[in-house]
Amino acid sequence: MQLVQSNKAISEPSEVVSRYLEAIYYMWFEKEPLRSARLADWLGVSRPTVAVGLRRMARDGLVRMNGRKEIELTPSGMRSAESIVRRHRIMERWLTDGLGLDWVTADAEAARLEHAVSDVVEQRLYEVLGRPMTCPHGNPIPGYSEASPRGPPIPQNSAIPPCRNATSSSSVMRLRTTTNLSVGWAAG
């Protein structure tokens, strides 16, 4: 996929719609049920608020509801979501690798910056960072590495592959930081 084309082919969604798209993408990646009640919990907003937001997003061609009343991203919605997640993950990589911020701070700052970064800056940061394939948590960067829903659980007493924390949970990142857990260590 040509990133320049994918970013320019879509108009920039509002910050609220971006939050919805990002959450839906993370839920899809984690194989969580994509229902509006779960999305409301994920975003910390009311169910009626989510219903209104999803109606607008459906009107704009970003989502649709399937026969099981689950949310699905349309191709346009998936491109938008991937663009948002890509920028977030590149920002996290820069903030941790380039500026030395911890994961928790980097995640919060990336959430602020992802909406303000141009295609030019995104591409240049990606190049300067050495073309990373993942964010600091081990999640693939859409458009640069394969992104698909998570696989089966890791067997006990096996080597742990790079941690994939799609939710970027601050509590999980804090635990990793305070216990010196890092990507790729073996479980005992």
N, C-alpha and C. Protein backbone atom coordinates (compact mmCIF):
# COMPACT_ATOMS: atom_id res chain seq x y z
N MET A 1 0.84 -1.17 0.00
CA MET A 1 0.00 0.00 0.00
C MET A 1 0.89 1.23 0.00
N GLN A 2 0.56 2.17 -0.82
CA GLN A 2 1.27 3.44 -0.84
C GLN A 2 0.72 4.33 0.26
N LEU A 3 1.55 4.63 1.26
CA LEU A 3 1.08 5.39 2.40
C LEU A 3 0.64 6.80 2.01
N VAL A 4 1.36 7.40 1.11
CA VAL A 4 0.98 8.76 0.69
C VAL A 4 -0.43 8.72 0.13
N GLN A 5 -0.71 7.74 -0.70
CA GLN A 5 -2.04 7.62 -1.28
C GLN A 5 -3.08 7.31 -0.21
N SER A 6 -2.76 6.40 0.72
CA SER A 6 -3.75 6.01 1.71
C SER A 6 -4.09 7.17 2.64
N ASN A 7 -3.12 8.00 2.97
CA ASN A 7 -3.41 9.14 3.85
C ASN A 7 -4.14 10.25 3.11
N LYS A 8 -3.86 10.47 1.85
CA LYS A 8 -4.48 11.54 1.10
C LYS A 8 -5.85 11.15 0.55
N ALA A 9 -6.09 9.83 0.43
CA ALA A 9 -7.35 9.38 -0.15
C ALA A 9 -8.53 9.61 0.77
N ILE A 10 -8.28 9.93 2.02
CA ILE A 10 -9.35 10.11 2.96
C ILE A 10 -9.27 11.49 3.57
N SER A 11 -10.42 12.07 3.84
CA SER A 11 -10.40 13.34 4.54
C SER A 11 -10.18 13.04 6.02
N GLU A 12 -9.59 13.97 6.72
CA GLU A 12 -9.27 13.76 8.12
C GLU A 12 -10.55 13.75 8.95
N PRO A 13 -10.77 12.68 9.73
CA PRO A 13 -11.95 12.66 10.59
C PRO A 13 -11.74 13.59 11.78
N SER A 14 -12.83 13.96 12.43
CA SER A 14 -12.73 14.79 13.63
C SER A 14 -12.00 14.00 14.72
N GLU A 15 -11.60 14.69 15.77
CA GLU A 15 -10.90 14.02 16.86
C GLU A 15 -11.79 12.97 17.53
N VAL A 16 -13.08 13.26 17.66
CA VAL A 16 -14.02 12.31 18.27
C VAL A 16 -14.15 11.07 17.39
N VAL A 17 -14.36 11.27 16.10
CA VAL A 17 -14.47 10.14 15.17
C VAL A 17 -13.16 9.36 15.15
N SER A 18 -12.04 10.04 15.23
CA SER A 18 -10.74 9.37 15.29
C SER A 18 -10.64 8.46 16.50
N ARG A 19 -11.12 8.93 17.65
CA ARG A 19 -11.11 8.10 18.86
C ARG A 19 -11.95 6.85 18.65
N TYR A 20 -13.12 7.00 18.03
CA TYR A 20 -13.99 5.86 17.78
C TYR A 20 -13.31 4.87 16.83
N LEU A 21 -12.75 5.39 15.74
CA LEU A 21 -12.09 4.53 14.76
C LEU A 21 -10.92 3.77 15.40
N GLU A 22 -10.14 4.49 16.18
CA GLU A 22 -8.98 3.87 16.84
C GLU A 22 -9.45 2.77 17.81
N ALA A 23 -10.47 3.05 18.60
CA ALA A 23 -10.99 2.05 19.55
C ALA A 23 -11.55 0.83 18.81
N ILE A 24 -12.29 1.06 17.74
CA ILE A 24 -12.85 -0.05 16.97
C ILE A 24 -11.72 -0.89 16.38
N TYR A 25 -10.69 -0.23 15.86
CA TYR A 25 -9.54 -0.95 15.32
C TYR A 25 -8.88 -1.81 16.40
N TYR A 26 -8.64 -1.24 17.59
CA TYR A 26 -8.00 -1.99 18.68
C TYR A 26 -8.87 -3.16 19.11
N MET A 27 -10.18 -2.95 19.19
CA MET A 27 -11.09 -4.03 19.56
C MET A 27 -11.05 -5.14 18.51
N TRP A 28 -11.02 -4.77 17.24
CA TRP A 28 -10.91 -5.76 16.15
C TRP A 28 -9.60 -6.52 16.29
N PHE A 29 -8.52 -5.81 16.52
CA PHE A 29 -7.20 -6.42 16.64
C PHE A 29 -7.16 -7.41 17.81
N GLU A 30 -7.83 -7.08 18.90
CA GLU A 30 -7.86 -7.93 20.09
C GLU A 30 -8.95 -9.01 20.01
N LYS A 31 -9.68 -9.04 18.91
CA LYS A 31 -10.78 -9.98 18.71
C LYS A 31 -11.85 -9.83 19.78
N GLU A 32 -12.08 -8.61 20.22
CA GLU A 32 -13.14 -8.34 21.17
C GLU A 32 -14.45 -8.19 20.40
N PRO A 33 -15.57 -8.49 21.05
CA PRO A 33 -16.86 -8.29 20.39
C PRO A 33 -17.03 -6.81 20.02
N LEU A 34 -17.36 -6.55 18.78
CA LEU A 34 -17.50 -5.17 18.31
C LEU A 34 -18.96 -4.73 18.42
N ARG A 35 -19.40 -4.58 19.63
CA ARG A 35 -20.77 -4.14 19.91
C ARG A 35 -20.73 -2.73 20.48
N SER A 36 -21.80 -1.99 20.25
CA SER A 36 -21.82 -0.59 20.69
C SER A 36 -21.69 -0.46 22.20
N ALA A 37 -22.27 -1.37 22.98
CA ALA A 37 -22.15 -1.30 24.44
C ALA A 37 -20.69 -1.46 24.86
N ARG A 38 -19.99 -2.36 24.22
CA ARG A 38 -18.57 -2.58 24.54
C ARG A 38 -17.74 -1.36 24.12
N LEU A 39 -18.07 -0.77 22.99
CA LEU A 39 -17.37 0.43 22.53
C LEU A 39 -17.59 1.58 23.52
N ALA A 40 -18.81 1.70 24.04
CA ALA A 40 -19.10 2.74 25.03
C ALA A 40 -18.23 2.53 26.27
N ASP A 41 -18.11 1.29 26.73
CA ASP A 41 -17.25 0.98 27.88
C ASP A 41 -15.80 1.33 27.57
N TRP A 42 -15.35 0.94 26.40
CA TRP A 42 -13.96 1.16 25.97
C TRP A 42 -13.62 2.65 25.98
N LEU A 43 -14.55 3.45 25.45
CA LEU A 43 -14.33 4.89 25.33
C LEU A 43 -14.69 5.67 26.60
N GLY A 44 -15.40 5.03 27.51
CA GLY A 44 -15.81 5.72 28.73
C GLY A 44 -16.90 6.74 28.50
N VAL A 45 -17.81 6.45 27.56
CA VAL A 45 -18.93 7.34 27.27
C VAL A 45 -20.23 6.53 27.37
N SER A 46 -21.35 7.22 27.32
CA SER A 46 -22.64 6.54 27.43
C SER A 46 -23.00 5.79 26.15
N ARG A 47 -23.88 4.83 26.28
CA ARG A 47 -24.33 4.07 25.11
C ARG A 47 -25.08 4.95 24.11
N PRO A 48 -25.94 5.86 24.58
CA PRO A 48 -26.59 6.75 23.61
C PRO A 48 -25.59 7.62 22.85
N THR A 49 -24.53 8.05 23.52
CA THR A 49 -23.50 8.85 22.84
C THR A 49 -22.86 8.04 21.72
N VAL A 50 -22.55 6.77 22.00
CA VAL A 50 -21.97 5.89 20.99
C VAL A 50 -22.95 5.66 19.85
N ALA A 51 -24.22 5.48 20.17
CA ALA A 51 -25.23 5.24 19.13
C ALA A 51 -25.28 6.42 18.16
N VAL A 52 -25.25 7.64 18.69
CA VAL A 52 -25.26 8.83 17.83
C VAL A 52 -23.99 8.88 16.98
N GLY A 53 -22.85 8.64 17.61
CA GLY A 53 -21.58 8.66 16.88
C GLY A 53 -21.53 7.62 15.77
N LEU A 54 -22.01 6.41 16.06
CA LEU A 54 -22.00 5.35 15.05
C LEU A 54 -22.96 5.67 13.90
N ARG A 55 -24.09 6.29 14.20
CA ARG A 55 -25.01 6.69 13.11
C ARG A 55 -24.32 7.67 12.17
N ARG A 56 -23.62 8.64 12.74
CA ARG A 56 -22.90 9.62 11.92
C ARG A 56 -21.80 8.93 11.11
N MET A 57 -21.09 8.03 11.75
CA MET A 57 -20.00 7.33 11.04
C MET A 57 -20.55 6.43 9.94
N ALA A 58 -21.71 5.82 10.17
CA ALA A 58 -22.35 5.01 9.13
C ALA A 58 -22.78 5.90 7.97
N ARG A 59 -23.35 7.07 8.30
CA ARG A 59 -23.75 8.03 7.27
C ARG A 59 -22.56 8.45 6.41
N ASP A 60 -21.38 8.59 7.06
CA ASP A 60 -20.17 9.01 6.37
C ASP A 60 -19.42 7.85 5.71
N GLY A 61 -19.98 6.64 5.81
CA GLY A 61 -19.38 5.49 5.14
C GLY A 61 -18.17 4.89 5.84
N LEU A 62 -18.05 5.10 7.15
CA LEU A 62 -16.89 4.58 7.88
C LEU A 62 -17.17 3.25 8.58
N VAL A 63 -18.41 3.03 8.99
CA VAL A 63 -18.80 1.80 9.67
C VAL A 63 -20.14 1.32 9.14
N ARG A 64 -20.45 0.06 9.45
CA ARG A 64 -21.78 -0.50 9.19
C ARG A 64 -22.04 -1.53 10.29
N MET A 65 -23.29 -1.85 10.49
CA MET A 65 -23.67 -2.88 11.46
C MET A 65 -24.00 -4.14 10.67
N ASN A 66 -23.46 -5.28 11.12
CA ASN A 66 -23.76 -6.53 10.42
C ASN A 66 -25.03 -7.15 10.99
N GLY A 67 -25.41 -8.33 10.51
CA GLY A 67 -26.64 -9.00 10.94
C GLY A 67 -26.64 -9.38 12.41
N ARG A 68 -25.47 -9.49 13.02
CA ARG A 68 -25.37 -9.82 14.45
C ARG A 68 -25.29 -8.57 15.32
N LYS A 69 -25.57 -7.41 14.72
CA LYS A 69 -25.51 -6.11 15.41
C LYS A 69 -24.10 -5.78 15.90
N GLU A 70 -23.11 -6.24 15.15
CA GLU A 70 -21.72 -5.92 15.46
C GLU A 70 -21.24 -4.82 14.52
N ILE A 71 -20.32 -4.00 15.02
CA ILE A 71 -19.78 -2.90 14.24
C ILE A 71 -18.72 -3.45 13.29
N GLU A 72 -18.76 -3.03 12.06
CA GLU A 72 -17.72 -3.38 11.08
C GLU A 72 -17.18 -2.10 10.46
N LEU A 73 -15.88 -2.04 10.30
CA LEU A 73 -15.29 -0.92 9.57
C LEU A 73 -15.46 -1.18 8.09
N THR A 74 -15.88 -0.18 7.35
CA THR A 74 -15.92 -0.28 5.90
C THR A 74 -14.48 -0.18 5.40
N PRO A 75 -14.22 -0.44 4.14
CA PRO A 75 -12.85 -0.24 3.64
C PRO A 75 -12.34 1.17 3.90
N SER A 76 -13.19 2.16 3.73
CA SER A 76 -12.80 3.55 4.00
C SER A 76 -12.53 3.75 5.49
N GLY A 77 -13.37 3.16 6.34
CA GLY A 77 -13.18 3.25 7.78
C GLY A 77 -11.90 2.57 8.22
N MET A 78 -11.59 1.42 7.61
CA MET A 78 -10.35 0.71 7.96
C MET A 78 -9.14 1.53 7.54
N ARG A 79 -9.17 2.15 6.37
CA ARG A 79 -8.04 2.99 5.95
C ARG A 79 -7.84 4.16 6.92
N SER A 80 -8.94 4.77 7.33
CA SER A 80 -8.85 5.88 8.29
C SER A 80 -8.30 5.39 9.62
N ALA A 81 -8.83 4.27 10.11
CA ALA A 81 -8.38 3.73 11.40
C ALA A 81 -6.90 3.36 11.33
N GLU A 82 -6.48 2.72 10.25
CA GLU A 82 -5.06 2.35 10.11
C GLU A 82 -4.17 3.58 10.09
N SER A 83 -4.61 4.63 9.44
CA SER A 83 -3.83 5.86 9.39
C SER A 83 -3.67 6.45 10.79
N ILE A 84 -4.73 6.47 11.57
CA ILE A 84 -4.68 7.00 12.93
C ILE A 84 -3.77 6.15 13.80
N VAL A 85 -3.96 4.83 13.75
CA VAL A 85 -3.14 3.92 14.56
C VAL A 85 -1.68 3.99 14.13
N ARG A 86 -1.43 4.08 12.83
CA ARG A 86 -0.06 4.18 12.33
C ARG A 86 0.63 5.41 12.91
N ARG A 87 -0.03 6.53 12.84
CA ARG A 87 0.56 7.77 13.38
C ARG A 87 0.80 7.66 14.87
N HIS A 88 -0.16 7.09 15.59
CA HIS A 88 -0.01 6.93 17.04
C HIS A 88 1.22 6.07 17.35
N ARG A 89 1.35 4.97 16.65
CA ARG A 89 2.45 4.04 16.94
C ARG A 89 3.81 4.61 16.52
N ILE A 90 3.84 5.35 15.44
CA ILE A 90 5.10 6.01 15.05
C ILE A 90 5.46 7.08 16.08
N MET A 91 4.46 7.83 16.53
CA MET A 91 4.71 8.83 17.57
C MET A 91 5.24 8.18 18.85
N GLU A 92 4.63 7.06 19.25
CA GLU A 92 5.11 6.35 20.44
C GLU A 92 6.55 5.90 20.27
N ARG A 93 6.86 5.38 19.10
CA ARG A 93 8.22 4.91 18.84
C ARG A 93 9.21 6.07 18.95
N TRP A 94 8.87 7.21 18.37
CA TRP A 94 9.74 8.39 18.44
C TRP A 94 9.89 8.88 19.87
N LEU A 95 8.78 8.94 20.58
CA LEU A 95 8.80 9.45 21.95
C LEU A 95 9.60 8.55 22.90
N THR A 96 9.56 7.23 22.68
CA THR A 96 10.32 6.32 23.55
C THR A 96 11.76 6.19 23.08
N ASP A 97 11.95 5.90 21.79
CA ASP A 97 13.30 5.65 21.27
C ASP A 97 14.10 6.94 21.09
N GLY A 98 13.43 7.96 20.57
CA GLY A 98 14.13 9.20 20.27
C GLY A 98 14.26 10.14 21.45
N LEU A 99 13.20 10.26 22.24
CA LEU A 99 13.20 11.22 23.34
C LEU A 99 13.36 10.57 24.72
N GLY A 100 13.29 9.23 24.77
CA GLY A 100 13.52 8.54 26.03
C GLY A 100 12.38 8.58 27.02
N LEU A 101 11.16 8.86 26.56
CA LEU A 101 10.02 8.86 27.46
C LEU A 101 9.61 7.43 27.81
N ASP A 102 9.01 7.26 28.99
CA ASP A 102 8.50 5.94 29.36
C ASP A 102 7.24 5.65 28.56
N TRP A 103 6.82 4.39 28.55
CA TRP A 103 5.68 3.96 27.74
C TRP A 103 4.40 4.68 28.08
N VAL A 104 4.15 4.89 29.36
CA VAL A 104 2.90 5.52 29.78
C VAL A 104 2.83 6.96 29.27
N THR A 105 3.91 7.71 29.49
CA THR A 105 3.94 9.10 29.04
C THR A 105 3.89 9.17 27.52
N ALA A 106 4.64 8.28 26.86
CA ALA A 106 4.67 8.27 25.39
C ALA A 106 3.28 8.00 24.82
N ASP A 107 2.54 7.08 25.41
CA ASP A 107 1.20 6.78 24.93
C ASP A 107 0.29 8.00 25.04
N ALA A 108 0.32 8.67 26.19
CA ALA A 108 -0.51 9.86 26.39
C ALA A 108 -0.12 10.98 25.42
N GLU A 109 1.16 11.20 25.24
CA GLU A 109 1.62 12.25 24.32
C GLU A 109 1.30 11.89 22.88
N ALA A 110 1.46 10.62 22.51
CA ALA A 110 1.15 10.19 21.14
C ALA A 110 -0.33 10.42 20.82
N ALA A 111 -1.19 10.21 21.81
CA ALA A 111 -2.63 10.44 21.61
C ALA A 111 -2.90 11.90 21.29
N ARG A 112 -2.10 12.79 21.86
CA ARG A 112 -2.27 14.23 21.57
C ARG A 112 -1.69 14.58 20.20
N LEU A 113 -0.55 14.00 19.88
CA LEU A 113 0.18 14.37 18.66
C LEU A 113 -0.37 13.75 17.39
N GLU A 114 -0.95 12.57 17.49
CA GLU A 114 -1.35 11.82 16.28
C GLU A 114 -2.29 12.61 15.38
N HIS A 115 -3.04 13.54 15.94
CA HIS A 115 -4.01 14.31 15.15
C HIS A 115 -3.37 15.51 14.45
N ALA A 116 -2.16 15.87 14.87
CA ALA A 116 -1.52 17.07 14.35
C ALA A 116 -0.38 16.78 13.38
N VAL A 117 -0.06 15.52 13.18
CA VAL A 117 1.09 15.16 12.36
C VAL A 117 0.70 15.06 10.88
N SER A 118 1.47 15.73 10.03
CA SER A 118 1.22 15.67 8.59
C SER A 118 1.79 14.39 8.00
N ASP A 119 1.39 14.09 6.77
CA ASP A 119 1.94 12.94 6.06
C ASP A 119 3.46 13.05 5.93
N VAL A 120 3.94 14.26 5.67
CA VAL A 120 5.38 14.49 5.49
C VAL A 120 6.14 14.16 6.77
N VAL A 121 5.64 14.66 7.90
CA VAL A 121 6.31 14.42 9.18
C VAL A 121 6.22 12.94 9.55
N GLU A 122 5.05 12.33 9.34
CA GLU A 122 4.89 10.90 9.62
C GLU A 122 5.93 10.08 8.85
N GLN A 123 6.02 10.31 7.56
CA GLN A 123 6.95 9.57 6.72
C GLN A 123 8.40 9.81 7.14
N ARG A 124 8.73 11.05 7.42
CA ARG A 124 10.11 11.39 7.80
C ARG A 124 10.48 10.77 9.14
N LEU A 125 9.58 10.81 10.11
CA LEU A 125 9.84 10.17 11.40
C LEU A 125 10.06 8.67 11.22
N TYR A 126 9.23 8.05 10.40
CA TYR A 126 9.37 6.62 10.12
C TYR A 126 10.76 6.33 9.57
N GLU A 127 11.21 7.13 8.63
CA GLU A 127 12.54 6.94 8.04
C GLU A 127 13.65 7.17 9.07
N VAL A 128 13.58 8.26 9.83
CA VAL A 128 14.60 8.61 10.82
C VAL A 128 14.69 7.53 11.91
N LEU A 129 13.56 6.93 12.24
CA LEU A 129 13.54 5.89 13.27
C LEU A 129 14.06 4.54 12.78
N GLY A 130 14.45 4.47 11.51
CA GLY A 130 14.99 3.22 10.98
C GLY A 130 13.93 2.26 10.48
N ARG A 131 12.79 2.80 10.07
CA ARG A 131 11.69 2.01 9.52
C ARG A 131 11.21 0.92 10.48
N PRO A 132 10.77 1.30 11.68
CA PRO A 132 10.32 0.29 12.65
C PRO A 132 9.08 -0.45 12.16
N MET A 133 8.98 -1.69 12.54
CA MET A 133 7.83 -2.52 12.16
C MET A 133 6.76 -2.53 13.25
N THR A 134 7.17 -2.16 14.48
CA THR A 134 6.24 -2.20 15.60
C THR A 134 6.37 -0.95 16.46
N CYS A 135 5.36 -0.73 17.28
CA CYS A 135 5.42 0.32 18.30
C CYS A 135 6.25 -0.23 19.47
N PRO A 136 6.51 0.56 20.48
CA PRO A 136 7.31 0.07 21.61
C PRO A 136 6.71 -1.15 22.32
N HIS A 137 5.39 -1.34 22.22
CA HIS A 137 4.73 -2.47 22.89
C HIS A 137 4.77 -3.73 22.04
N GLY A 138 5.28 -3.64 20.82
CA GLY A 138 5.35 -4.81 19.95
C GLY A 138 4.19 -4.93 18.98
N ASN A 139 3.28 -3.97 18.96
CA ASN A 139 2.15 -4.01 18.03
C ASN A 139 2.63 -3.60 16.64
N PRO A 140 2.14 -4.26 15.60
CA PRO A 140 2.54 -3.89 14.24
C PRO A 140 2.08 -2.48 13.87
N ILE A 141 2.87 -1.80 13.07
CA ILE A 141 2.50 -0.48 12.58
C ILE A 141 1.78 -0.68 11.24
N PRO A 142 0.47 -0.38 11.20
CA PRO A 142 -0.29 -0.59 9.96
C PRO A 142 0.35 0.13 8.78
N GLY A 143 0.42 -0.59 7.67
CA GLY A 143 1.02 -0.02 6.47
C GLY A 143 2.49 -0.36 6.34
N TYR A 144 3.10 -0.78 7.44
CA TYR A 144 4.52 -1.13 7.43
C TYR A 144 4.77 -2.57 7.85
N SER A 145 3.85 -3.15 8.57
CA SER A 145 3.94 -4.56 8.94
C SER A 145 2.52 -5.11 8.99
N GLU A 146 2.42 -6.40 8.93
CA GLU A 146 1.11 -7.03 8.84
C GLU A 146 0.33 -6.84 10.13
N ALA A 147 -0.88 -6.36 9.99
CA ALA A 147 -1.77 -6.22 11.13
C ALA A 147 -2.95 -7.15 10.94
N SER A 148 -3.12 -8.05 11.86
CA SER A 148 -4.27 -8.94 11.83
C SER A 148 -4.66 -9.23 13.27
N PRO A 149 -5.89 -9.66 13.48
CA PRO A 149 -6.29 -9.93 14.85
C PRO A 149 -5.35 -10.91 15.53
N ARG A 150 -5.25 -10.79 16.83
CA ARG A 150 -4.35 -11.63 17.62
C ARG A 150 -4.59 -13.11 17.40
N GLY A 151 -3.52 -13.86 17.57
CA GLY A 151 -3.59 -15.30 17.46
C GLY A 151 -3.95 -15.94 18.80
N PRO A 152 -3.69 -17.27 18.92
CA PRO A 152 -4.04 -18.00 20.13
C PRO A 152 -3.16 -17.57 21.31
N PRO A 153 -3.59 -17.91 22.55
CA PRO A 153 -2.80 -17.56 23.72
C PRO A 153 -1.43 -18.24 23.69
N ILE A 154 -0.48 -17.66 24.41
CA ILE A 154 0.88 -18.20 24.49
C ILE A 154 0.90 -19.34 25.51
N PRO A 155 1.45 -20.52 25.15
CA PRO A 155 1.53 -21.62 26.10
C PRO A 155 2.41 -21.26 27.29
N GLN A 156 2.09 -21.83 28.47
CA GLN A 156 2.86 -21.57 29.67
C GLN A 156 4.29 -22.09 29.49
N ASN A 157 5.25 -21.43 30.11
CA ASN A 157 6.67 -21.77 30.07
C ASN A 157 7.27 -21.70 28.68
N SER A 158 6.76 -20.83 27.85
CA SER A 158 7.32 -20.65 26.52
C SER A 158 7.94 -19.26 26.43
N ALA A 159 8.75 -19.04 25.41
CA ALA A 159 9.31 -17.71 25.19
C ALA A 159 8.18 -16.78 24.82
N ILE A 160 8.19 -15.61 25.39
CA ILE A 160 7.14 -14.64 25.12
C ILE A 160 7.55 -13.82 23.91
N PRO A 161 6.73 -13.82 22.85
CA PRO A 161 7.06 -12.96 21.71
C PRO A 161 6.86 -11.50 22.11
N PRO A 162 7.22 -10.58 21.25
CA PRO A 162 7.00 -9.18 21.60
C PRO A 162 5.59 -8.94 22.11
N CYS A 163 5.49 -8.22 23.22
CA CYS A 163 4.19 -7.94 23.83
C CYS A 163 3.36 -7.12 22.86
N ARG A 164 2.15 -7.53 22.66
CA ARG A 164 1.25 -6.77 21.80
C ARG A 164 0.13 -6.26 22.66
N ASN A 165 0.23 -5.03 23.06
CA ASN A 165 -0.76 -4.42 23.93
C ASN A 165 -1.53 -3.39 23.12
N ALA A 166 -2.47 -3.87 22.34
CA ALA A 166 -3.18 -2.97 21.44
C ALA A 166 -3.96 -1.91 22.19
N THR A 167 -4.38 -2.21 23.40
CA THR A 167 -5.17 -1.24 24.13
C THR A 167 -4.30 -0.14 24.72
N SER A 168 -2.99 -0.32 24.74
CA SER A 168 -2.08 0.65 25.33
C SER A 168 -2.53 1.02 26.73
N SER A 169 -2.97 0.02 27.48
CA SER A 169 -3.46 0.24 28.84
C SER A 169 -2.38 0.85 29.70
N SER A 170 -2.67 2.00 30.27
CA SER A 170 -1.71 2.69 31.12
C SER A 170 -1.31 1.84 32.31
N SER A 171 -2.26 1.10 32.89
CA SER A 171 -1.93 0.28 34.06
C SER A 171 -0.99 -0.85 33.69
N VAL A 172 -1.20 -1.47 32.52
CA VAL A 172 -0.31 -2.54 32.08
C VAL A 172 1.07 -1.96 31.77
N MET A 173 1.11 -0.81 31.10
CA MET A 173 2.41 -0.21 30.78
C MET A 173 3.15 0.20 32.04
N ARG A 174 2.42 0.72 33.05
CA ARG A 174 3.06 1.08 34.31
C ARG A 174 3.65 -0.16 34.98
N LEU A 175 2.90 -1.28 34.96
CA LEU A 175 3.39 -2.53 35.55
C LEU A 175 4.66 -2.99 34.86
N ARG A 176 4.67 -2.93 33.53
CA ARG A 176 5.86 -3.33 32.79
C ARG A 176 7.06 -2.45 33.15
N THR A 177 6.81 -1.17 33.30
CA THR A 177 7.88 -0.23 33.62
C THR A 177 8.41 -0.46 35.03
N THR A 178 7.52 -0.60 36.01
CA THR A 178 7.96 -0.73 37.40
C THR A 178 8.56 -2.10 37.70
N THR A 179 8.24 -3.12 36.92
CA THR A 179 8.79 -4.46 37.17
C THR A 179 9.92 -4.81 36.21
N ASN A 180 10.31 -3.86 35.37
CA ASN A 180 11.36 -4.07 34.38
C ASN A 180 11.06 -5.18 33.40
N LEU A 181 9.78 -5.42 33.11
CA LEU A 181 9.43 -6.37 32.06
C LEU A 181 9.71 -5.72 30.73
N SER A 182 10.21 -6.47 29.78
CA SER A 182 10.42 -5.88 28.47
C SER A 182 10.08 -6.89 27.39
N VAL A 183 9.94 -6.39 26.20
CA VAL A 183 9.55 -7.18 25.05
C VAL A 183 10.59 -8.26 24.78
N GLY A 184 10.11 -9.53 24.61
CA GLY A 184 10.97 -10.61 24.19
C GLY A 184 11.59 -11.44 25.30
N TRP A 185 11.34 -11.16 26.55
CA TRP A 185 11.92 -11.95 27.63
C TRP A 185 11.22 -13.31 27.72
N ALA A 186 11.90 -14.31 28.24
CA ALA A 186 11.33 -15.65 28.38
C ALA A 186 10.54 -15.73 29.68
N ALA A 187 9.43 -16.48 29.63
CA ALA A 187 8.62 -16.68 30.84
C ALA A 187 9.19 -17.86 31.61
N GLY A 188 9.06 -17.82 32.90
CA GLY A 188 9.64 -18.88 33.72
C GLY A 188 8.67 -19.72 34.43
